[in-house]
């Protein structure tokens, strides 16, 4: 799981404050690329969902290589969470 903010505080001007602001624009089949421990992991978006902030059921580890992108939702809110699920389709060694 990768967590990112969809909103931020006015005083926080970092480039990563709103990194997931447009997360809802990802579409099924679109690819997500993650570099980790010397490998490039390629994922395809499989589904999107909005859940209650207290709901942890989507995070049960079933042993698959699923990536979840996770942020507060709606933008500038905290009552819900927006999740993008993606399945791994390829791993490429970078070293």
PDB file of N, CA and C in Angstrom:
ATOM      1  N   UNK A   1       0.849  -1.165   0.000  1.00  0.00           N
ATOM      2  CA  UNK A   1       0.000   0.000   0.000  1.00  0.00           C
ATOM      3  C   UNK A   1       0.899   1.234   0.000  1.00  0.00           C
ATOM      4  N   UNK A   2       0.485   2.215  -0.776  1.00  0.00           N
ATOM      5  CA  UNK A   2       1.154   3.514  -0.790  1.00  0.00           C
ATOM      6  C   UNK A   2       0.103   4.558  -0.432  1.00  0.00           C
ATOM      7  N   UNK A   3       0.398   5.318   0.609  1.00  0.00           N
ATOM      8  CA  UNK A   3      -0.517   6.354   1.066  1.00  0.00           C
ATOM      9  C   UNK A   3       0.007   7.705   0.599  1.00  0.00           C
ATOM     10  N   UNK A   4      -0.895   8.555   0.141  1.00  0.00           N
ATOM     11  CA  UNK A   4      -0.526   9.909  -0.242  1.00  0.00           C
ATOM     12  C   UNK A   4      -1.665  10.854   0.071  1.00  0.00           C
ATOM     13  N   UNK A   5      -1.343  12.113   0.205  1.00  0.00           N
ATOM     14  CA  UNK A   5      -2.355  13.116   0.527  1.00  0.00           C
ATOM     15  C   UNK A   5      -3.102  13.585  -0.716  1.00  0.00           C
ATOM     16  N   UNK A   6      -4.398  13.884  -0.532  1.00  0.00           N
ATOM     17  CA  UNK A   6      -5.190  14.488  -1.603  1.00  0.00           C
ATOM     18  C   UNK A   6      -5.449  15.956  -1.305  1.00  0.00           C
ATOM     19  N   UNK A   7      -5.009  16.407  -0.137  1.00  0.00           N
ATOM     20  CA  UNK A   7      -5.150  17.810   0.248  1.00  0.00           C
ATOM     21  C   UNK A   7      -4.018  18.139   1.211  1.00  0.00           C
ATOM     22  N   UNK A   8      -3.924  19.388   1.568  1.00  0.00           N
ATOM     23  CA  UNK A   8      -2.851  19.782   2.472  1.00  0.00           C
ATOM     24  C   UNK A   8      -3.171  21.060   3.197  1.00  0.00           C
ATOM     25  N   UNK A   9      -2.264  21.469   4.040  1.00  0.00           N
ATOM     26  CA  UNK A   9      -2.408  22.713   4.792  1.00  0.00           C
ATOM     27  C   UNK A   9      -1.862  23.867   3.963  1.00  0.00           C
ATOM     28  N   UNK A  10      -2.447  25.048   4.094  1.00  0.00           N
ATOM     29  CA  UNK A  10      -1.990  26.198   3.307  1.00  0.00           C
ATOM     30  C   UNK A  10      -0.502  26.522   3.496  1.00  0.00           C
ATOM     31  N   UNK A  11       0.038  26.246   4.677  1.00  0.00           N
ATOM     32  CA  UNK A  11       1.438  26.555   4.948  1.00  0.00           C
ATOM     33  C   UNK A  11       2.396  25.500   4.411  1.00  0.00           C
ATOM     34  N   UNK A  12       1.880  24.354   4.024  1.00  0.00           N
ATOM     35  CA  UNK A  12       2.736  23.277   3.507  1.00  0.00           C
ATOM     36  C   UNK A  12       2.834  23.417   1.993  1.00  0.00           C
ATOM     37  N   UNK A  13       3.974  23.869   1.519  1.00  0.00           N
ATOM     38  CA  UNK A  13       4.148  24.122   0.087  1.00  0.00           C
ATOM     39  C   UNK A  13       5.006  23.047  -0.587  1.00  0.00           C
ATOM     40  N   UNK A  14       5.176  21.919   0.059  1.00  0.00           N
ATOM     41  CA  UNK A  14       5.991  20.860  -0.540  1.00  0.00           C
ATOM     42  C   UNK A  14       5.316  20.335  -1.802  1.00  0.00           C
ATOM     43  N   UNK A  15       6.119  19.817  -2.713  1.00  0.00           N
ATOM     44  CA  UNK A  15       5.574  19.319  -3.970  1.00  0.00           C
ATOM     45  C   UNK A  15       4.770  18.027  -3.787  1.00  0.00           C
ATOM     46  N   UNK A  16       4.851  17.410  -2.640  1.00  0.00           N
ATOM     47  CA  UNK A  16       4.151  16.142  -2.403  1.00  0.00           C
ATOM     48  C   UNK A  16       2.889  16.293  -1.550  1.00  0.00           C
ATOM     49  N   UNK A  17       2.524  17.513  -1.197  1.00  0.00           N
ATOM     50  CA  UNK A  17       1.369  17.743  -0.333  1.00  0.00           C
ATOM     51  C   UNK A  17       0.093  17.139  -0.896  1.00  0.00           C
ATOM     52  N   UNK A  18      -0.103  17.245  -2.191  1.00  0.00           N
ATOM     53  CA  UNK A  18      -1.342  16.790  -2.825  1.00  0.00           C
ATOM     54  C   UNK A  18      -1.057  15.757  -3.905  1.00  0.00           C
ATOM     55  N   UNK A  19      -0.129  14.855  -3.642  1.00  0.00           N
ATOM     56  CA  UNK A  19       0.328  13.903  -4.649  1.00  0.00           C
ATOM     57  C   UNK A  19      -0.808  13.020  -5.199  1.00  0.00           C
ATOM     58  N   UNK A  20      -1.840  12.740  -4.400  1.00  0.00           N
ATOM     59  CA  UNK A  20      -2.954  11.905  -4.856  1.00  0.00           C
ATOM     60  C   UNK A  20      -4.234  12.719  -5.085  1.00  0.00           C
ATOM     61  N   UNK A  21      -4.101  13.989  -5.349  1.00  0.00           N
ATOM     62  CA  UNK A  21      -5.258  14.868  -5.547  1.00  0.00           C
ATOM     63  C   UNK A  21      -6.144  14.408  -6.705  1.00  0.00           C
ATOM     64  N   UNK A  22      -5.549  13.836  -7.746  1.00  0.00           N
ATOM     65  CA  UNK A  22      -6.304  13.402  -8.922  1.00  0.00           C
ATOM     66  C   UNK A  22      -6.357  11.882  -9.049  1.00  0.00           C
ATOM     67  N   UNK A  23      -6.216  11.189  -7.943  1.00  0.00           N
ATOM     68  CA  UNK A  23      -6.181   9.721  -7.953  1.00  0.00           C
ATOM     69  C   UNK A  23      -7.445   9.120  -8.574  1.00  0.00           C
ATOM     70  N   UNK A  24      -8.565   9.805  -8.446  1.00  0.00           N
ATOM     71  CA  UNK A  24      -9.822   9.298  -8.988  1.00  0.00           C
ATOM     72  C   UNK A  24      -9.849   9.309 -10.513  1.00  0.00           C
ATOM     73  N   UNK A  25      -8.890   9.955 -11.142  1.00  0.00           N
ATOM     74  CA  UNK A  25      -8.827  10.001 -12.595  1.00  0.00           C
ATOM     75  C   UNK A  25      -8.140   8.786 -13.210  1.00  0.00           C
ATOM     76  N   UNK A  26      -7.515   7.952 -12.373  1.00  0.00           N
ATOM     77  CA  UNK A  26      -6.946   6.704 -12.897  1.00  0.00           C
ATOM     78  C   UNK A  26      -8.083   5.822 -13.392  1.00  0.00           C
ATOM     79  N   UNK A  27      -7.838   5.087 -14.470  1.00  0.00           N
ATOM     80  CA  UNK A  27      -8.878   4.232 -15.038  1.00  0.00           C
ATOM     81  C   UNK A  27      -8.440   2.775 -15.030  1.00  0.00           C
ATOM     82  N   UNK A  28      -9.413   1.894 -15.040  1.00  0.00           N
ATOM     83  CA  UNK A  28      -9.135   0.462 -15.074  1.00  0.00           C
ATOM     84  C   UNK A  28      -8.271   0.145 -16.292  1.00  0.00           C
ATOM     85  N   UNK A  29      -7.209  -0.628 -16.066  1.00  0.00           N
ATOM     86  CA  UNK A  29      -6.286  -0.987 -17.140  1.00  0.00           C
ATOM     87  C   UNK A  29      -5.088  -0.067 -17.252  1.00  0.00           C
ATOM     88  N   UNK A  30      -5.172   1.109 -16.649  1.00  0.00           N
ATOM     89  CA  UNK A  30      -4.042   2.032 -16.677  1.00  0.00           C
ATOM     90  C   UNK A  30      -2.897   1.454 -15.857  1.00  0.00           C
ATOM     91  N   UNK A  31      -1.688   1.787 -16.215  1.00  0.00           N
ATOM     92  CA  UNK A  31      -0.515   1.230 -15.526  1.00  0.00           C
ATOM     93  C   UNK A  31       0.045   2.189 -14.473  1.00  0.00           C
ATOM     94  N   UNK A  32       0.551   1.590 -13.405  1.00  0.00           N
ATOM     95  CA  UNK A  32       1.199   2.315 -12.311  1.00  0.00           C
ATOM     96  C   UNK A  32       2.587   1.711 -12.168  1.00  0.00           C
ATOM     97  N   UNK A  33       3.607   2.555 -12.062  1.00  0.00           N
ATOM     98  CA  UNK A  33       4.991   2.103 -12.004  1.00  0.00           C
ATOM     99  C   UNK A  33       5.589   2.451 -10.649  1.00  0.00           C
ATOM    100  N   UNK A  34       6.197   1.448 -10.017  1.00  0.00           N
ATOM    101  CA  UNK A  34       6.804   1.641  -8.701  1.00  0.00           C
ATOM    102  C   UNK A  34       8.219   1.077  -8.741  1.00  0.00           C
ATOM    103  N   UNK A  35       9.191   1.888  -8.364  1.00  0.00           N
ATOM    104  CA  UNK A  35      10.568   1.411  -8.243  1.00  0.00           C
ATOM    105  C   UNK A  35      10.822   1.101  -6.778  1.00  0.00           C
ATOM    106  N   UNK A  36      11.295  -0.137  -6.517  1.00  0.00           N
ATOM    107  CA  UNK A  36      11.519  -0.557  -5.137  1.00  0.00           C
ATOM    108  C   UNK A  36      12.621  -1.605  -5.105  1.00  0.00           C
ATOM    109  N   UNK A  37      13.600  -1.392  -4.252  1.00  0.00           N
ATOM    110  CA  UNK A  37      14.711  -2.319  -4.029  1.00  0.00           C
ATOM    111  C   UNK A  37      15.332  -2.806  -5.341  1.00  0.00           C
ATOM    112  N   UNK A  38      15.634  -1.875  -6.233  1.00  0.00           N
ATOM    113  CA  UNK A  38      16.351  -2.201  -7.451  1.00  0.00           C
ATOM    114  C   UNK A  38      15.522  -2.828  -8.560  1.00  0.00           C
ATOM    115  N   UNK A  39      14.214  -2.808  -8.405  1.00  0.00           N
ATOM    116  CA  UNK A  39      13.341  -3.360  -9.444  1.00  0.00           C
ATOM    117  C   UNK A  39      12.232  -2.374  -9.781  1.00  0.00           C
ATOM    118  N   UNK A  40      11.788  -2.437 -11.038  1.00  0.00           N
ATOM    119  CA  UNK A  40      10.631  -1.668 -11.479  1.00  0.00           C
ATOM    120  C   UNK A  40       9.440  -2.609 -11.486  1.00  0.00           C
ATOM    121  N   UNK A  41       8.430  -2.290 -10.699  1.00  0.00           N
ATOM    122  CA  UNK A  41       7.215  -3.100 -10.613  1.00  0.00           C
ATOM    123  C   UNK A  41       6.123  -2.404 -11.410  1.00  0.00           C
ATOM    124  N   UNK A  42       5.509  -3.132 -12.319  1.00  0.00           N
ATOM    125  CA  UNK A  42       4.467  -2.582 -13.170  1.00  0.00           C
ATOM    126  C   UNK A  42       3.131  -3.184 -12.742  1.00  0.00           C
ATOM    127  N   UNK A  43       2.173  -2.321 -12.454  1.00  0.00           N
ATOM    128  CA  UNK A  43       0.844  -2.734 -12.005  1.00  0.00           C
ATOM    129  C   UNK A  43      -0.211  -2.198 -12.963  1.00  0.00           C
ATOM    130  N   UNK A  44      -1.334  -2.904 -13.061  1.00  0.00           N
ATOM    131  CA  UNK A  44      -2.482  -2.422 -13.816  1.00  0.00           C
ATOM    132  C   UNK A  44      -3.648  -2.204 -12.862  1.00  0.00           C
ATOM    133  N   UNK A  45      -4.285  -1.063 -12.991  1.00  0.00           N
ATOM    134  CA  UNK A  45      -5.429  -0.735 -12.147  1.00  0.00           C
ATOM    135  C   UNK A  45      -6.550  -1.744 -12.424  1.00  0.00           C
ATOM    136  N   UNK A  46      -7.032  -2.376 -11.361  1.00  0.00           N
ATOM    137  CA  UNK A  46      -8.086  -3.382 -11.496  1.00  0.00           C
ATOM    138  C   UNK A  46      -9.436  -2.879 -10.982  1.00  0.00           C
ATOM    139  N   UNK A  47      -9.410  -2.022  -9.957  1.00  0.00           N
ATOM    140  CA  UNK A  47     -10.668  -1.462  -9.462  1.00  0.00           C
ATOM    141  C   UNK A  47     -10.387  -0.268  -8.577  1.00  0.00           C
ATOM    142  N   UNK A  48     -11.440   0.520  -8.355  1.00  0.00           N
ATOM    143  CA  UNK A  48     -11.369   1.675  -7.461  1.00  0.00           C
ATOM    144  C   UNK A  48     -12.525   1.565  -6.487  1.00  0.00           C
ATOM    145  N   UNK A  49     -12.334   2.103  -5.290  1.00  0.00           N
ATOM    146  CA  UNK A  49     -13.417   2.074  -4.315  1.00  0.00           C
ATOM    147  C   UNK A  49     -13.284   3.204  -3.312  1.00  0.00           C
ATOM    148  N   UNK A  50     -14.423   3.583  -2.755  1.00  0.00           N
ATOM    149  CA  UNK A  50     -14.482   4.561  -1.670  1.00  0.00           C
ATOM    150  C   UNK A  50     -14.995   3.806  -0.452  1.00  0.00           C
ATOM    151  N   UNK A  51     -14.292   3.949   0.663  1.00  0.00           N
ATOM    152  CA  UNK A  51     -14.671   3.260   1.887  1.00  0.00           C
ATOM    153  C   UNK A  51     -14.748   4.259   3.035  1.00  0.00           C
ATOM    154  N   UNK A  52     -15.386   3.849   4.122  1.00  0.00           N
ATOM    155  CA  UNK A  52     -15.419   4.628   5.349  1.00  0.00           C
ATOM    156  C   UNK A  52     -14.003   4.689   5.921  1.00  0.00           C
ATOM    157  N   UNK A  53     -13.665   5.786   6.553  1.00  0.00           N
ATOM    158  CA  UNK A  53     -12.317   5.979   7.092  1.00  0.00           C
ATOM    159  C   UNK A  53     -11.909   4.886   8.085  1.00  0.00           C
ATOM    160  N   UNK A  54     -12.868   4.286   8.774  1.00  0.00           N
ATOM    161  CA  UNK A  54     -12.552   3.266   9.776  1.00  0.00           C
ATOM    162  C   UNK A  54     -12.538   1.849   9.213  1.00  0.00           C
ATOM    163  N   UNK A  55     -12.909   1.670   7.975  1.00  0.00           N
ATOM    164  CA  UNK A  55     -12.985   0.346   7.351  1.00  0.00           C
ATOM    165  C   UNK A  55     -11.584  -0.153   6.994  1.00  0.00           C
ATOM    166  N   UNK A  56     -11.191  -1.283   7.557  1.00  0.00           N
ATOM    167  CA  UNK A  56      -9.880  -1.863   7.249  1.00  0.00           C
ATOM    168  C   UNK A  56      -9.997  -3.162   6.453  1.00  0.00           C
ATOM    169  N   UNK A  57     -11.201  -3.547   6.085  1.00  0.00           N
ATOM    170  CA  UNK A  57     -11.395  -4.828   5.411  1.00  0.00           C
ATOM    171  C   UNK A  57     -10.643  -4.958   4.082  1.00  0.00           C
ATOM    172  N   UNK A  58     -10.429  -3.895   3.307  1.00  0.00           N
ATOM    173  CA  UNK A  58      -9.699  -4.069   2.050  1.00  0.00           C
ATOM    174  C   UNK A  58      -8.214  -4.387   2.224  1.00  0.00           C
ATOM    175  N   UNK A  59      -7.725  -4.327   3.455  1.00  0.00           N
ATOM    176  CA  UNK A  59      -6.295  -4.492   3.685  1.00  0.00           C
ATOM    177  C   UNK A  59      -5.906  -5.876   4.194  1.00  0.00           C
ATOM    178  N   UNK A  60      -6.807  -6.824   4.119  1.00  0.00           N
ATOM    179  CA  UNK A  60      -6.486  -8.187   4.527  1.00  0.00           C
ATOM    180  C   UNK A  60      -5.521  -8.789   3.515  1.00  0.00           C
ATOM    181  N   UNK A  61      -4.384  -9.267   3.990  1.00  0.00           N
ATOM    182  CA  UNK A  61      -3.358  -9.822   3.106  1.00  0.00           C
ATOM    183  C   UNK A  61      -3.788 -11.204   2.633  1.00  0.00           C
ATOM    184  N   UNK A  62      -4.051 -11.319   1.341  1.00  0.00           N
ATOM    185  CA  UNK A  62      -4.440 -12.619   0.793  1.00  0.00           C
ATOM    186  C   UNK A  62      -3.293 -13.291   0.050  1.00  0.00           C
ATOM    187  N   UNK A  63      -2.074 -12.737   0.185  1.00  0.00           N
ATOM    188  CA  UNK A  63      -0.903 -13.351  -0.412  1.00  0.00           C
ATOM    189  C   UNK A  63      -0.642 -12.950  -1.857  1.00  0.00           C
ATOM    190  N   UNK A  64      -1.489 -12.107  -2.438  1.00  0.00           N
ATOM    191  CA  UNK A  64      -1.279 -11.683  -3.818  1.00  0.00           C
ATOM    192  C   UNK A  64      -0.387 -10.443  -3.863  1.00  0.00           C
ATOM    193  N   UNK A  65       0.128 -10.150  -5.019  1.00  0.00           N
ATOM    194  CA  UNK A  65       0.943  -8.952  -5.212  1.00  0.00           C
ATOM    195  C   UNK A  65       0.062  -7.801  -5.666  1.00  0.00           C
ATOM    196  N   UNK A  66      -0.849  -7.403  -4.813  1.00  0.00           N
ATOM    197  CA  UNK A  66      -1.730  -6.294  -5.130  1.00  0.00           C
ATOM    198  C   UNK A  66      -1.169  -5.015  -4.531  1.00  0.00           C
ATOM    199  N   UNK A  67      -1.236  -3.955  -5.303  1.00  0.00           N
ATOM    200  CA  UNK A  67      -0.859  -2.634  -4.829  1.00  0.00           C
ATOM    201  C   UNK A  67      -2.141  -1.866  -4.549  1.00  0.00           C
ATOM    202  N   UNK A  68      -2.165  -1.160  -3.425  1.00  0.00           N
ATOM    203  CA  UNK A  68      -3.296  -0.287  -3.117  1.00  0.00           C
ATOM    204  C   UNK A  68      -2.751   1.124  -2.943  1.00  0.00           C
ATOM    205  N   UNK A  69      -3.286   2.044  -3.740  1.00  0.00           N
ATOM    206  CA  UNK A  69      -3.006   3.463  -3.558  1.00  0.00           C
ATOM    207  C   UNK A  69      -4.135   4.000  -2.696  1.00  0.00           C
ATOM    208  N   UNK A  70      -3.804   4.782  -1.661  1.00  0.00           N
ATOM    209  CA  UNK A  70      -4.751   5.090  -0.582  1.00  0.00           C
ATOM    210  C   UNK A  70      -4.662   6.568  -0.221  1.00  0.00           C
ATOM    211  N   UNK A  71      -5.813   7.235  -0.125  1.00  0.00           N
ATOM    212  CA  UNK A  71      -5.809   8.638   0.270  1.00  0.00           C
ATOM    213  C   UNK A  71      -7.120   9.005   0.948  1.00  0.00           C
ATOM    214  N   UNK A  72      -7.127  10.127   1.653  1.00  0.00           N
ATOM    215  CA  UNK A  72      -8.368  10.649   2.248  1.00  0.00           C
ATOM    216  C   UNK A  72      -9.301  11.114   1.133  1.00  0.00           C
ATOM    217  N   UNK A  73     -10.597  10.996   1.389  1.00  0.00           N
ATOM    218  CA  UNK A  73     -11.586  11.362   0.383  1.00  0.00           C
ATOM    219  C   UNK A  73     -12.849  11.847   1.050  1.00  0.00           C
ATOM    220  N   UNK A  74     -13.586  12.752   0.510  1.00  0.00           N
ATOM    221  CA  UNK A  74     -13.287  13.494  -0.713  1.00  0.00           C
ATOM    222  C   UNK A  74     -12.108  14.433  -0.504  1.00  0.00           C
ATOM    223  N   UNK A  75     -11.640  15.031  -1.585  1.00  0.00           N
ATOM    224  CA  UNK A  75     -10.518  15.972  -1.444  1.00  0.00           C
ATOM    225  C   UNK A  75     -10.839  16.965  -0.341  1.00  0.00           C
ATOM    226  N   UNK A  76      -9.849  17.247   0.452  1.00  0.00           N
ATOM    227  CA  UNK A  76      -9.969  18.179   1.580  1.00  0.00           C
ATOM    228  C   UNK A  76     -10.911  17.662   2.660  1.00  0.00           C
ATOM    229  N   UNK A  77     -11.196  16.373   2.665  1.00  0.00           N
ATOM    230  CA  UNK A  77     -12.049  15.759   3.676  1.00  0.00           C
ATOM    231  C   UNK A  77     -11.334  14.606   4.360  1.00  0.00           C
ATOM    232  N   UNK A  78     -11.957  14.072   5.405  1.00  0.00           N
ATOM    233  CA  UNK A  78     -11.332  12.965   6.140  1.00  0.00           C
ATOM    234  C   UNK A  78     -12.304  11.837   6.461  1.00  0.00           C
ATOM    235  N   UNK A  79     -13.558  11.914   6.033  1.00  0.00           N
ATOM    236  CA  UNK A  79     -14.562  10.926   6.420  1.00  0.00           C
ATOM    237  C   UNK A  79     -14.443   9.607   5.667  1.00  0.00           C
ATOM    238  N   UNK A  80     -13.870   9.655   4.474  1.00  0.00           N
ATOM    239  CA  UNK A  80     -13.765   8.450   3.663  1.00  0.00           C
ATOM    240  C   UNK A  80     -12.342   8.298   3.149  1.00  0.00           C
ATOM    241  N   UNK A  81     -12.106   7.160   2.506  1.00  0.00           N
ATOM    242  CA  UNK A  81     -10.825   6.893   1.873  1.00  0.00           C
ATOM    243  C   UNK A  81     -11.078   6.449   0.440  1.00  0.00           C
ATOM    244  N   UNK A  82     -10.192   6.846  -0.444  1.00  0.00           N
ATOM    245  CA  UNK A  82     -10.277   6.445  -1.852  1.00  0.00           C
ATOM    246  C   UNK A  82      -9.152   5.461  -2.098  1.00  0.00           C
ATOM    247  N   UNK A  83      -9.484   4.303  -2.630  1.00  0.00           N
ATOM    248  CA  UNK A  83      -8.498   3.259  -2.889  1.00  0.00           C
ATOM    249  C   UNK A  83      -8.479   2.927  -4.368  1.00  0.00           C
ATOM    250  N   UNK A  84      -7.274   2.770  -4.886  1.00  0.00           N
ATOM    251  CA  UNK A  84      -7.083   2.252  -6.231  1.00  0.00           C
ATOM    252  C   UNK A  84      -6.334   0.937  -6.076  1.00  0.00           C
ATOM    253  N   UNK A  85      -6.940  -0.147  -6.540  1.00  0.00           N
ATOM    254  CA  UNK A  85      -6.324  -1.464  -6.479  1.00  0.00           C
ATOM    255  C   UNK A  85      -5.657  -1.744  -7.822  1.00  0.00           C
ATOM    256  N   UNK A  86      -4.459  -2.318  -7.784  1.00  0.00           N
ATOM    257  CA  UNK A  86      -3.750  -2.651  -9.018  1.00  0.00           C
ATOM    258  C   UNK A  86      -3.038  -3.994  -8.836  1.00  0.00           C
ATOM    259  N   UNK A  87      -3.033  -4.799  -9.881  1.00  0.00           N
ATOM    260  CA  UNK A  87      -2.361  -6.095  -9.838  1.00  0.00           C
ATOM    261  C   UNK A  87      -1.041  -6.009 -10.582  1.00  0.00           C
ATOM    262  N   UNK A  88      -0.052  -6.721 -10.077  1.00  0.00           N
ATOM    263  CA  UNK A  88       1.262  -6.691 -10.703  1.00  0.00           C
ATOM    264  C   UNK A  88       1.255  -7.476 -11.994  1.00  0.00           C
ATOM    265  N   UNK A  89       1.805  -6.880 -13.040  1.00  0.00           N
ATOM    266  CA  UNK A  89       1.857  -7.555 -14.344  1.00  0.00           C
ATOM    267  C   UNK A  89       3.277  -7.820 -14.802  1.00  0.00           C
ATOM    268  N   UNK A  90       4.241  -7.123 -14.199  1.00  0.00           N
ATOM    269  CA  UNK A  90       5.632  -7.304 -14.630  1.00  0.00           C
ATOM    270  C   UNK A  90       6.572  -6.737 -13.597  1.00  0.00           C
ATOM    271  N   UNK A  91       7.752  -7.362 -13.469  1.00  0.00           N
ATOM    272  CA  UNK A  91       8.832  -6.844 -12.640  1.00  0.00           C
ATOM    273  C   UNK A  91      10.103  -6.871 -13.467  1.00  0.00           C
ATOM    274  N   UNK A  92      10.822  -5.754 -13.474  1.00  0.00           N
ATOM    275  CA  UNK A  92      12.039  -5.645 -14.256  1.00  0.00           C
ATOM    276  C   UNK A  92      13.184  -5.252 -13.319  1.00  0.00           C
ATOM    277  N   UNK A  93      14.260  -6.049 -13.323  1.00  0.00           N
ATOM    278  CA  UNK A  93      15.436  -5.728 -12.513  1.00  0.00           C
ATOM    279  C   UNK A  93      16.140  -4.520 -13.120  1.00  0.00           C
ATOM    280  N   UNK A  94      16.509  -3.586 -12.276  1.00  0.00           N
ATOM    281  CA  UNK A  94      17.185  -2.371 -12.736  1.00  0.00           C
ATOM    282  C   UNK A  94      18.675  -2.414 -12.513  1.00  0.00           C
ATOM    283  N   UNK A  95      19.160  -3.394 -11.836  1.00  0.00           N
ATOM    284  CA  UNK A  95      20.614  -3.482 -11.548  1.00  0.00           C
ATOM    285  C   UNK A  95      21.239  -4.601 -12.320  1.00  0.00           C
TER     286      UNK A  95
END
